[in-house]
Amino acid sequence: MGLSFSEDWGAIQSAFDRMFNGLGEVHIDDGLLQYRSTPPSVSTGISITKEGVLVANMPLHNIQSTFTQIIFQEEGLSLTLEGPDSRYTYTVPSEILALRSI
């Protein structure tokens, strides 16, 4: 079951922080969630506004869209954004996840 951007912003902030903690730069405030990998790791990132607007910064995946729900995979490997007309899944690259075992 997904979390609603309009109703569950606090829970979304917490889940986003857990997912990306220790994997690079994480910025969370009242209106924005942002993750960016740090060199020398593979370049990747994702930004999501409180209104459900997404800007994904992976090579070849520059997407701008608005979504209503977010679903975090329990293992913290990916998140899925869903809207009335679209669906997008962001998966953390395995090279970045390897940072957790260091």
PDB file of N, CA and C in Angstrom:
ATOM      1  N   MET A   1       0.836  -1.175   0.000  1.00  0.00           N
ATOM      2  CA  MET A   1       0.000   0.000   0.000  1.00  0.00           C
ATOM      3  C   MET A   1       0.888   1.248   0.000  1.00  0.00           C
ATOM      4  N   GLY A   2       0.501   2.221  -0.765  1.00  0.00           N
ATOM      5  CA  GLY A   2       1.300   3.414  -0.915  1.00  0.00           C
ATOM      6  C   GLY A   2       0.965   4.499   0.090  1.00  0.00           C
ATOM      7  N   LEU A   3       1.905   5.408   0.242  1.00  0.00           N
ATOM      8  CA  LEU A   3       1.708   6.591   1.074  1.00  0.00           C
ATOM      9  C   LEU A   3       1.292   7.740   0.171  1.00  0.00           C
ATOM     10  N   SER A   4       0.344   8.518   0.603  1.00  0.00           N
ATOM     11  CA  SER A   4      -0.187   9.631  -0.172  1.00  0.00           C
ATOM     12  C   SER A   4       0.617  10.908   0.085  1.00  0.00           C
ATOM     13  N   PHE A   5       1.033  11.576  -0.990  1.00  0.00           N
ATOM     14  CA  PHE A   5       1.747  12.835  -0.827  1.00  0.00           C
ATOM     15  C   PHE A   5       0.891  13.865  -0.097  1.00  0.00           C
ATOM     16  N   SER A   6      -0.390  13.865  -0.328  1.00  0.00           N
ATOM     17  CA  SER A   6      -1.258  14.872   0.289  1.00  0.00           C
ATOM     18  C   SER A   6      -1.573  14.575   1.754  1.00  0.00           C
ATOM     19  N   GLU A   7      -1.391  13.322   2.201  1.00  0.00           N
ATOM     20  CA  GLU A   7      -1.784  12.966   3.565  1.00  0.00           C
ATOM     21  C   GLU A   7      -0.658  12.423   4.439  1.00  0.00           C
ATOM     22  N   ASP A   8       0.415  11.904   3.849  1.00  0.00           N
ATOM     23  CA  ASP A   8       1.416  11.158   4.613  1.00  0.00           C
ATOM     24  C   ASP A   8       2.830  11.721   4.501  1.00  0.00           C
ATOM     25  N   TRP A   9       2.973  13.040   4.358  1.00  0.00           N
ATOM     26  CA  TRP A   9       4.288  13.637   4.110  1.00  0.00           C
ATOM     27  C   TRP A   9       5.304  13.280   5.196  1.00  0.00           C
ATOM     28  N   GLY A  10       4.906  13.304   6.464  1.00  0.00           N
ATOM     29  CA  GLY A  10       5.831  12.961   7.551  1.00  0.00           C
ATOM     30  C   GLY A  10       6.342  11.534   7.440  1.00  0.00           C
ATOM     31  N   ALA A  11       5.462  10.591   7.145  1.00  0.00           N
ATOM     32  CA  ALA A  11       5.861   9.195   6.984  1.00  0.00           C
ATOM     33  C   ALA A  11       6.744   9.021   5.748  1.00  0.00           C
ATOM     34  N   ILE A  12       6.440   9.769   4.695  1.00  0.00           N
ATOM     35  CA  ILE A  12       7.260   9.718   3.481  1.00  0.00           C
ATOM     36  C   ILE A  12       8.665  10.237   3.777  1.00  0.00           C
ATOM     37  N   GLN A  13       8.768  11.337   4.520  1.00  0.00           N
ATOM     38  CA  GLN A  13      10.074  11.885   4.887  1.00  0.00           C
ATOM     39  C   GLN A  13      10.900  10.855   5.662  1.00  0.00           C
ATOM     40  N   SER A  14      10.285  10.192   6.625  1.00  0.00           N
ATOM     41  CA  SER A  14      10.988   9.196   7.439  1.00  0.00           C
ATOM     42  C   SER A  14      11.447   8.008   6.607  1.00  0.00           C
ATOM     43  N   ALA A  15      10.581   7.502   5.747  1.00  0.00           N
ATOM     44  CA  ALA A  15      10.931   6.354   4.909  1.00  0.00           C
ATOM     45  C   ALA A  15      12.038   6.712   3.919  1.00  0.00           C
ATOM     46  N   PHE A  16      11.994   7.911   3.356  1.00  0.00           N
ATOM     47  CA  PHE A  16      13.024   8.371   2.428  1.00  0.00           C
ATOM     48  C   PHE A  16      14.370   8.444   3.150  1.00  0.00           C
ATOM     49  N   ASP A  17      14.379   8.987   4.348  1.00  0.00           N
ATOM     50  CA  ASP A  17      15.604   9.083   5.135  1.00  0.00           C
ATOM     51  C   ASP A  17      16.181   7.699   5.427  1.00  0.00           C
ATOM     52  N   ARG A  18      15.347   6.750   5.816  1.00  0.00           N
ATOM     53  CA  ARG A  18      15.815   5.385   6.083  1.00  0.00           C
ATOM     54  C   ARG A  18      16.393   4.741   4.827  1.00  0.00           C
ATOM     55  N   MET A  19      15.732   4.946   3.693  1.00  0.00           N
ATOM     56  CA  MET A  19      16.156   4.313   2.449  1.00  0.00           C
ATOM     57  C   MET A  19      17.538   4.799   2.010  1.00  0.00           C
ATOM     58  N   PHE A  20      17.792   6.098   2.129  1.00  0.00           N
ATOM     59  CA  PHE A  20      19.013   6.658   1.573  1.00  0.00           C
ATOM     60  C   PHE A  20      20.089   6.981   2.612  1.00  0.00           C
ATOM     61  N   ASN A  21      19.833   6.734   3.876  1.00  0.00           N
ATOM     62  CA  ASN A  21      20.791   7.015   4.929  1.00  0.00           C
ATOM     63  C   ASN A  21      22.108   6.277   4.679  1.00  0.00           C
ATOM     64  N   GLY A  22      23.207   7.016   4.663  1.00  0.00           N
ATOM     65  CA  GLY A  22      24.521   6.422   4.479  1.00  0.00           C
ATOM     66  C   GLY A  22      24.922   6.156   3.041  1.00  0.00           C
ATOM     67  N   LEU A  23      24.066   6.548   2.084  1.00  0.00           N
ATOM     68  CA  LEU A  23      24.357   6.259   0.675  1.00  0.00           C
ATOM     69  C   LEU A  23      24.793   7.487  -0.114  1.00  0.00           C
ATOM     70  N   GLY A  24      24.891   8.648   0.531  1.00  0.00           N
ATOM     71  CA  GLY A  24      25.259   9.875  -0.160  1.00  0.00           C
ATOM     72  C   GLY A  24      24.665  11.061   0.564  1.00  0.00           C
ATOM     73  N   GLU A  25      24.405  12.130  -0.168  1.00  0.00           N
ATOM     74  CA  GLU A  25      23.837  13.345   0.414  1.00  0.00           C
ATOM     75  C   GLU A  25      22.310  13.255   0.425  1.00  0.00           C
ATOM     76  N   VAL A  26      21.724  13.448   1.592  1.00  0.00           N
ATOM     77  CA  VAL A  26      20.270  13.426   1.743  1.00  0.00           C
ATOM     78  C   VAL A  26      19.835  14.772   2.302  1.00  0.00           C
ATOM     79  N   HIS A  27      18.852  15.379   1.646  1.00  0.00           N
ATOM     80  CA  HIS A  27      18.282  16.646   2.103  1.00  0.00           C
ATOM     81  C   HIS A  27      16.774  16.445   2.239  1.00  0.00           C
ATOM     82  N   ILE A  28      16.258  16.749   3.418  1.00  0.00           N
ATOM     83  CA  ILE A  28      14.827  16.617   3.678  1.00  0.00           C
ATOM     84  C   ILE A  28      14.361  17.884   4.373  1.00  0.00           C
ATOM     85  N   ASP A  29      13.323  18.520   3.821  1.00  0.00           N
ATOM     86  CA  ASP A  29      12.741  19.676   4.498  1.00  0.00           C
ATOM     87  C   ASP A  29      11.229  19.638   4.327  1.00  0.00           C
ATOM     88  N   ASP A  30      10.560  20.722   4.671  1.00  0.00           N
ATOM     89  CA  ASP A  30       9.100  20.750   4.653  1.00  0.00           C
ATOM     90  C   ASP A  30       8.493  20.563   3.270  1.00  0.00           C
ATOM     91  N   GLY A  31       9.274  20.806   2.206  1.00  0.00           N
ATOM     92  CA  GLY A  31       8.701  20.709   0.870  1.00  0.00           C
ATOM     93  C   GLY A  31       9.459  19.867  -0.117  1.00  0.00           C
ATOM     94  N   LEU A  32      10.613  19.268   0.298  1.00  0.00           N
ATOM     95  CA  LEU A  32      11.455  18.568  -0.665  1.00  0.00           C
ATOM     96  C   LEU A  32      12.210  17.409  -0.036  1.00  0.00           C
ATOM     97  N   LEU A  33      12.281  16.320  -0.783  1.00  0.00           N
ATOM     98  CA  LEU A  33      13.140  15.185  -0.463  1.00  0.00           C
ATOM     99  C   LEU A  33      14.176  15.112  -1.571  1.00  0.00           C
ATOM    100  N   GLN A  34      15.450  14.986  -1.197  1.00  0.00           N
ATOM    101  CA  GLN A  34      16.472  14.946  -2.230  1.00  0.00           C
ATOM    102  C   GLN A  34      17.595  14.000  -1.826  1.00  0.00           C
ATOM    103  N   TYR A  35      17.999  13.162  -2.760  1.00  0.00           N
ATOM    104  CA  TYR A  35      19.138  12.268  -2.581  1.00  0.00           C
ATOM    105  C   TYR A  35      20.086  12.455  -3.752  1.00  0.00           C
ATOM    106  N   ARG A  36      21.381  12.500  -3.466  1.00  0.00           N
ATOM    107  CA  ARG A  36      22.432  12.558  -4.475  1.00  0.00           C
ATOM    108  C   ARG A  36      23.573  11.646  -4.034  1.00  0.00           C
ATOM    109  N   SER A  37      24.053  10.823  -4.937  1.00  0.00           N
ATOM    110  CA  SER A  37      25.231  10.023  -4.635  1.00  0.00           C
ATOM    111  C   SER A  37      26.442  10.948  -4.590  1.00  0.00           C
ATOM    112  N   THR A  38      27.506  10.478  -3.964  1.00  0.00           N
ATOM    113  CA  THR A  38      28.724  11.274  -3.887  1.00  0.00           C
ATOM    114  C   THR A  38      29.863  10.529  -4.564  1.00  0.00           C
ATOM    115  N   PRO A  39      30.758  11.275  -5.243  1.00  0.00           N
ATOM    116  CA  PRO A  39      31.898  10.649  -5.907  1.00  0.00           C
ATOM    117  C   PRO A  39      32.738   9.880  -4.896  1.00  0.00           C
ATOM    118  N   PRO A  40      33.336   8.794  -5.278  1.00  0.00           N
ATOM    119  CA  PRO A  40      33.469   8.290  -6.637  1.00  0.00           C
ATOM    120  C   PRO A  40      32.346   7.335  -7.054  1.00  0.00           C
ATOM    121  N   SER A  41      31.283   7.266  -6.283  1.00  0.00           N
ATOM    122  CA  SER A  41      30.162   6.380  -6.628  1.00  0.00           C
ATOM    123  C   SER A  41      29.534   6.795  -7.953  1.00  0.00           C
ATOM    124  N   VAL A  42      28.821   5.846  -8.563  1.00  0.00           N
ATOM    125  CA  VAL A  42      28.079   6.132  -9.781  1.00  0.00           C
ATOM    126  C   VAL A  42      27.159   7.323  -9.531  1.00  0.00           C
ATOM    127  N   SER A  43      27.026   8.195 -10.518  1.00  0.00           N
ATOM    128  CA  SER A  43      26.224   9.399 -10.371  1.00  0.00           C
ATOM    129  C   SER A  43      24.735   9.070 -10.478  1.00  0.00           C
ATOM    130  N   THR A  44      23.986   9.389  -9.428  1.00  0.00           N
ATOM    131  CA  THR A  44      22.546   9.148  -9.416  1.00  0.00           C
ATOM    132  C   THR A  44      21.896  10.068  -8.392  1.00  0.00           C
ATOM    133  N   GLY A  45      20.623  10.235  -8.490  1.00  0.00           N
ATOM    134  CA  GLY A  45      19.902  11.052  -7.529  1.00  0.00           C
ATOM    135  C   GLY A  45      18.429  11.099  -7.856  1.00  0.00           C
ATOM    136  N   ILE A  46      17.675  11.577  -6.890  1.00  0.00           N
ATOM    137  CA  ILE A  46      16.241  11.722  -7.069  1.00  0.00           C
ATOM    138  C   ILE A  46      15.755  12.851  -6.170  1.00  0.00           C
ATOM    139  N   SER A  47      14.854  13.654  -6.685  1.00  0.00           N
ATOM    140  CA  SER A  47      14.233  14.734  -5.922  1.00  0.00           C
ATOM    141  C   SER A  47      12.726  14.623  -6.077  1.00  0.00           C
ATOM    142  N   ILE A  48      12.010  14.748  -4.947  1.00  0.00           N
ATOM    143  CA  ILE A  48      10.552  14.651  -4.954  1.00  0.00           C
ATOM    144  C   ILE A  48      10.011  15.771  -4.069  1.00  0.00           C
ATOM    145  N   THR A  49       9.067  16.535  -4.600  1.00  0.00           N
ATOM    146  CA  THR A  49       8.463  17.594  -3.803  1.00  0.00           C
ATOM    147  C   THR A  49       7.264  17.064  -3.014  1.00  0.00           C
ATOM    148  N   LYS A  50       6.831  17.844  -2.058  1.00  0.00           N
ATOM    149  CA  LYS A  50       5.671  17.498  -1.241  1.00  0.00           C
ATOM    150  C   LYS A  50       4.408  17.343  -2.088  1.00  0.00           C
ATOM    151  N   GLU A  51       4.387  17.987  -3.245  1.00  0.00           N
ATOM    152  CA  GLU A  51       3.245  17.892  -4.167  1.00  0.00           C
ATOM    153  C   GLU A  51       3.330  16.668  -5.066  1.00  0.00           C
ATOM    154  N   GLY A  52       4.396  15.858  -4.933  1.00  0.00           N
ATOM    155  CA  GLY A  52       4.543  14.659  -5.742  1.00  0.00           C
ATOM    156  C   GLY A  52       5.222  14.898  -7.079  1.00  0.00           C
ATOM    157  N   VAL A  53       5.887  16.031  -7.234  1.00  0.00           N
ATOM    158  CA  VAL A  53       6.611  16.307  -8.472  1.00  0.00           C
ATOM    159  C   VAL A  53       7.981  15.652  -8.376  1.00  0.00           C
ATOM    160  N   LEU A  54       8.338  14.886  -9.397  1.00  0.00           N
ATOM    161  CA  LEU A  54       9.587  14.123  -9.437  1.00  0.00           C
ATOM    162  C   LEU A  54      10.544  14.695 -10.458  1.00  0.00           C
ATOM    163  N   VAL A  55      11.805  14.755 -10.058  1.00  0.00           N
ATOM    164  CA  VAL A  55      12.883  14.984 -11.013  1.00  0.00           C
ATOM    165  C   VAL A  55      13.925  13.925 -10.682  1.00  0.00           C
ATOM    166  N   ALA A  56      14.067  12.920 -11.538  1.00  0.00           N
ATOM    167  CA  ALA A  56      15.039  11.839 -11.330  1.00  0.00           C
ATOM    168  C   ALA A  56      16.292  12.169 -12.113  1.00  0.00           C
ATOM    169  N   ASN A  57      17.430  12.027 -11.475  1.00  0.00           N
ATOM    170  CA  ASN A  57      18.683  12.408 -12.110  1.00  0.00           C
ATOM    171  C   ASN A  57      19.589  11.215 -12.344  1.00  0.00           C
ATOM    172  N   MET A  58      19.108  10.257 -13.071  1.00  0.00           N
ATOM    173  CA  MET A  58      19.941   9.141 -13.486  1.00  0.00           C
ATOM    174  C   MET A  58      20.223   9.334 -14.968  1.00  0.00           C
ATOM    175  N   PRO A  59      21.413   8.965 -15.416  1.00  0.00           N
ATOM    176  CA  PRO A  59      21.677   9.084 -16.847  1.00  0.00           C
ATOM    177  C   PRO A  59      20.579   8.405 -17.658  1.00  0.00           C
ATOM    178  N   LEU A  60      20.099   9.084 -18.655  1.00  0.00           N
ATOM    179  CA  LEU A  60      19.060   8.603 -19.571  1.00  0.00           C
ATOM    180  C   LEU A  60      17.676   8.540 -18.940  1.00  0.00           C
ATOM    181  N   HIS A  61      17.498   9.029 -17.705  1.00  0.00           N
ATOM    182  CA  HIS A  61      16.205   8.939 -17.017  1.00  0.00           C
ATOM    183  C   HIS A  61      15.737  10.299 -16.526  1.00  0.00           C
ATOM    184  N   ASN A  62      15.975  11.341 -17.256  1.00  0.00           N
ATOM    185  CA  ASN A  62      15.563  12.667 -16.807  1.00  0.00           C
ATOM    186  C   ASN A  62      14.052  12.803 -16.992  1.00  0.00           C
ATOM    187  N   ILE A  63      13.314  12.563 -15.918  1.00  0.00           N
ATOM    188  CA  ILE A  63      11.851  12.516 -15.957  1.00  0.00           C
ATOM    189  C   ILE A  63      11.295  13.649 -15.106  1.00  0.00           C
ATOM    190  N   GLN A  64      10.279  14.307 -15.593  1.00  0.00           N
ATOM    191  CA  GLN A  64       9.556  15.286 -14.788  1.00  0.00           C
ATOM    192  C   GLN A  64       8.078  14.934 -14.870  1.00  0.00           C
ATOM    193  N   SER A  65       7.493  14.609 -13.727  1.00  0.00           N
ATOM    194  CA  SER A  65       6.098  14.217 -13.685  1.00  0.00           C
ATOM    195  C   SER A  65       5.565  14.449 -12.277  1.00  0.00           C
ATOM    196  N   THR A  66       4.255  14.338 -12.123  1.00  0.00           N
ATOM    197  CA  THR A  66       3.619  14.484 -10.815  1.00  0.00           C
ATOM    198  C   THR A  66       2.919  13.185 -10.449  1.00  0.00           C
ATOM    199  N   PHE A  67       3.101  12.755  -9.204  1.00  0.00           N
ATOM    200  CA  PHE A  67       2.543  11.502  -8.718  1.00  0.00           C
ATOM    201  C   PHE A  67       1.726  11.757  -7.459  1.00  0.00           C
ATOM    202  N   THR A  68       0.846  10.817  -7.112  1.00  0.00           N
ATOM    203  CA  THR A  68      -0.008  10.966  -5.935  1.00  0.00           C
ATOM    204  C   THR A  68       0.407  10.061  -4.783  1.00  0.00           C
ATOM    205  N   GLN A  69       1.100   8.944  -5.073  1.00  0.00           N
ATOM    206  CA  GLN A  69       1.488   7.980  -4.042  1.00  0.00           C
ATOM    207  C   GLN A  69       2.929   7.544  -4.225  1.00  0.00           C
ATOM    208  N   ILE A  70       3.530   7.103  -3.118  1.00  0.00           N
ATOM    209  CA  ILE A  70       4.871   6.525  -3.146  1.00  0.00           C
ATOM    210  C   ILE A  70       4.864   5.226  -2.359  1.00  0.00           C
ATOM    211  N   ILE A  71       5.537   4.227  -2.889  1.00  0.00           N
ATOM    212  CA  ILE A  71       5.641   2.918  -2.245  1.00  0.00           C
ATOM    213  C   ILE A  71       7.125   2.617  -2.066  1.00  0.00           C
ATOM    214  N   PHE A  72       7.555   2.408  -0.822  1.00  0.00           N
ATOM    215  CA  PHE A  72       8.941   2.065  -0.537  1.00  0.00           C
ATOM    216  C   PHE A  72       9.053   0.550  -0.403  1.00  0.00           C
ATOM    217  N   GLN A  73       9.969  -0.057  -1.143  1.00  0.00           N
ATOM    218  CA  GLN A  73      10.222  -1.484  -0.978  1.00  0.00           C
ATOM    219  C   GLN A  73      10.820  -1.686   0.413  1.00  0.00           C
ATOM    220  N   GLU A  74      10.396  -2.720   1.114  1.00  0.00           N
ATOM    221  CA  GLU A  74      10.825  -2.948   2.495  1.00  0.00           C
ATOM    222  C   GLU A  74      12.332  -3.055   2.649  1.00  0.00           C
ATOM    223  N   GLU A  75      13.012  -3.626   1.680  1.00  0.00           N
ATOM    224  CA  GLU A  75      14.458  -3.816   1.770  1.00  0.00           C
ATOM    225  C   GLU A  75      15.233  -2.533   1.478  1.00  0.00           C
ATOM    226  N   GLY A  76      14.557  -1.471   1.066  1.00  0.00           N
ATOM    227  CA  GLY A  76      15.214  -0.211   0.784  1.00  0.00           C
ATOM    228  C   GLY A  76      15.960  -0.175  -0.529  1.00  0.00           C
ATOM    229  N   LEU A  77      15.608  -1.060  -1.443  1.00  0.00           N
ATOM    230  CA  LEU A  77      16.289  -1.130  -2.731  1.00  0.00           C
ATOM    231  C   LEU A  77      15.667  -0.219  -3.779  1.00  0.00           C
ATOM    232  N   SER A  78      14.372   0.067  -3.623  1.00  0.00           N
ATOM    233  CA  SER A  78      13.687   0.881  -4.626  1.00  0.00           C
ATOM    234  C   SER A  78      12.468   1.558  -4.020  1.00  0.00           C
ATOM    235  N   LEU A  79      11.982   2.542  -4.774  1.00  0.00           N
ATOM    236  CA  LEU A  79      10.712   3.173  -4.441  1.00  0.00           C
ATOM    237  C   LEU A  79       9.935   3.322  -5.746  1.00  0.00           C
ATOM    238  N   THR A  80       8.629   3.252  -5.641  1.00  0.00           N
ATOM    239  CA  THR A  80       7.768   3.386  -6.811  1.00  0.00           C
ATOM    240  C   THR A  80       6.815   4.540  -6.589  1.00  0.00           C
ATOM    241  N   LEU A  81       6.739   5.403  -7.587  1.00  0.00           N
ATOM    242  CA  LEU A  81       5.822   6.541  -7.577  1.00  0.00           C
ATOM    243  C   LEU A  81       4.677   6.225  -8.515  1.00  0.00           C
ATOM    244  N   GLU A  82       3.447   6.481  -8.062  1.00  0.00           N
ATOM    245  CA  GLU A  82       2.269   6.210  -8.879  1.00  0.00           C
ATOM    246  C   GLU A  82       1.397   7.446  -8.977  1.00  0.00           C
ATOM    247  N   GLY A  83       0.880   7.656 -10.155  1.00  0.00           N
ATOM    248  CA  GLY A  83      -0.041   8.757 -10.405  1.00  0.00           C
ATOM    249  C   GLY A  83      -1.173   8.270 -11.274  1.00  0.00           C
ATOM    250  N   PRO A  84      -2.100   9.142 -11.609  1.00  0.00           N
ATOM    251  CA  PRO A  84      -3.253   8.724 -12.397  1.00  0.00           C
ATOM    252  C   PRO A  84      -2.875   8.212 -13.788  1.00  0.00           C
ATOM    253  N   ASP A  85      -1.794   8.722 -14.354  1.00  0.00           N
ATOM    254  CA  ASP A  85      -1.437   8.343 -15.722  1.00  0.00           C
ATOM    255  C   ASP A  85      -0.063   7.722 -15.859  1.00  0.00           C
ATOM    256  N   SER A  86       0.668   7.576 -14.755  1.00  0.00           N
ATOM    257  CA  SER A  86       2.018   7.067 -14.889  1.00  0.00           C
ATOM    258  C   SER A  86       2.509   6.390 -13.623  1.00  0.00           C
ATOM    259  N   ARG A  87       3.600   5.650 -13.811  1.00  0.00           N
ATOM    260  CA  ARG A  87       4.236   4.918 -12.726  1.00  0.00           C
ATOM    261  C   ARG A  87       5.737   4.963 -12.989  1.00  0.00           C
ATOM    262  N   TYR A  88       6.529   5.188 -11.944  1.00  0.00           N
ATOM    263  CA  TYR A  88       7.981   5.260 -12.099  1.00  0.00           C
ATOM    264  C   TYR A  88       8.628   4.573 -10.909  1.00  0.00           C
ATOM    265  N   THR A  89       9.605   3.709 -11.175  1.00  0.00           N
ATOM    266  CA  THR A  89      10.344   3.045 -10.113  1.00  0.00           C
ATOM    267  C   THR A  89      11.798   3.501 -10.152  1.00  0.00           C
ATOM    268  N   TYR A  90      12.280   3.972  -9.017  1.00  0.00           N
ATOM    269  CA  TYR A  90      13.686   4.332  -8.860  1.00  0.00           C
ATOM    270  C   TYR A  90      14.341   3.220  -8.063  1.00  0.00           C
ATOM    271  N   THR A  91      15.409   2.638  -8.610  1.00  0.00           N
ATOM    272  CA  THR A  91      16.154   1.583  -7.942  1.00  0.00           C
ATOM    273  C   THR A  91      17.546   2.095  -7.626  1.00  0.00           C
ATOM    274  N   VAL A  92      17.970   1.910  -6.389  1.00  0.00           N
ATOM    275  CA  VAL A  92      19.308   2.308  -5.997  1.00  0.00           C
ATOM    276  C   VAL A  92      20.301   1.357  -6.675  1.00  0.00           C
ATOM    277  N   PRO A  93      21.293   1.896  -7.400  1.00  0.00           N
ATOM    278  CA  PRO A  93      22.273   1.031  -8.053  1.00  0.00           C
ATOM    279  C   PRO A  93      23.016   0.159  -7.043  1.00  0.00           C
ATOM    280  N   SER A  94      23.329  -1.068  -7.430  1.00  0.00           N
ATOM    281  CA  SER A  94      24.000  -2.012  -6.526  1.00  0.00           C
ATOM    282  C   SER A  94      25.345  -1.474  -6.038  1.00  0.00           C
ATOM    283  N   GLU A  95      26.036  -0.683  -6.871  1.00  0.00           N
ATOM    284  CA  GLU A  95      27.309  -0.102  -6.462  1.00  0.00           C
ATOM    285  C   GLU A  95      27.130   0.853  -5.276  1.00  0.00           C
ATOM    286  N   ILE A  96      25.991   1.524  -5.230  1.00  0.00           N
ATOM    287  CA  ILE A  96      25.694   2.438  -4.116  1.00  0.00           C
ATOM    288  C   ILE A  96      25.284   1.634  -2.882  1.00  0.00           C
ATOM    289  N   LEU A  97      24.463   0.609  -3.063  1.00  0.00           N
ATOM    290  CA  LEU A  97      24.031  -0.215  -1.928  1.00  0.00           C
ATOM    291  C   LEU A  97      25.204  -0.890  -1.245  1.00  0.00           C
ATOM    292  N   ALA A  98      26.273  -1.156  -1.996  1.00  0.00           N
ATOM    293  CA  ALA A  98      27.451  -1.801  -1.431  1.00  0.00           C
ATOM    294  C   ALA A  98      28.091  -0.937  -0.337  1.00  0.00           C
ATOM    295  N   LEU A  99      27.819   0.371  -0.325  1.00  0.00           N
ATOM    296  CA  LEU A  99      28.363   1.257   0.707  1.00  0.00           C
ATOM    297  C   LEU A  99      27.881   0.863   2.099  1.00  0.00           C
ATOM    298  N   ARG A 100      26.735   0.239   2.173  1.00  0.00           N
ATOM    299  CA  ARG A 100      26.189  -0.168   3.480  1.00  0.00           C
ATOM    300  C   ARG A 100      26.978  -1.305   4.100  1.00  0.00           C
ATOM    301  N   SER A 101      27.712  -2.069   3.292  1.00  0.00           N
ATOM    302  CA  SER A 101      28.471  -3.202   3.836  1.00  0.00           C
ATOM    303  C   SER A 101      29.905  -2.823   4.162  1.00  0.00           C
ATOM    304  N   ILE A 102      30.269  -1.562   3.930  1.00  0.00           N
ATOM    305  CA  ILE A 102      31.644  -1.128   4.209  1.00  0.00           C
ATOM    306  C   ILE A 102      31.794  -0.746   5.657  1.00  0.00           C
TER     307      ILE A 102
END
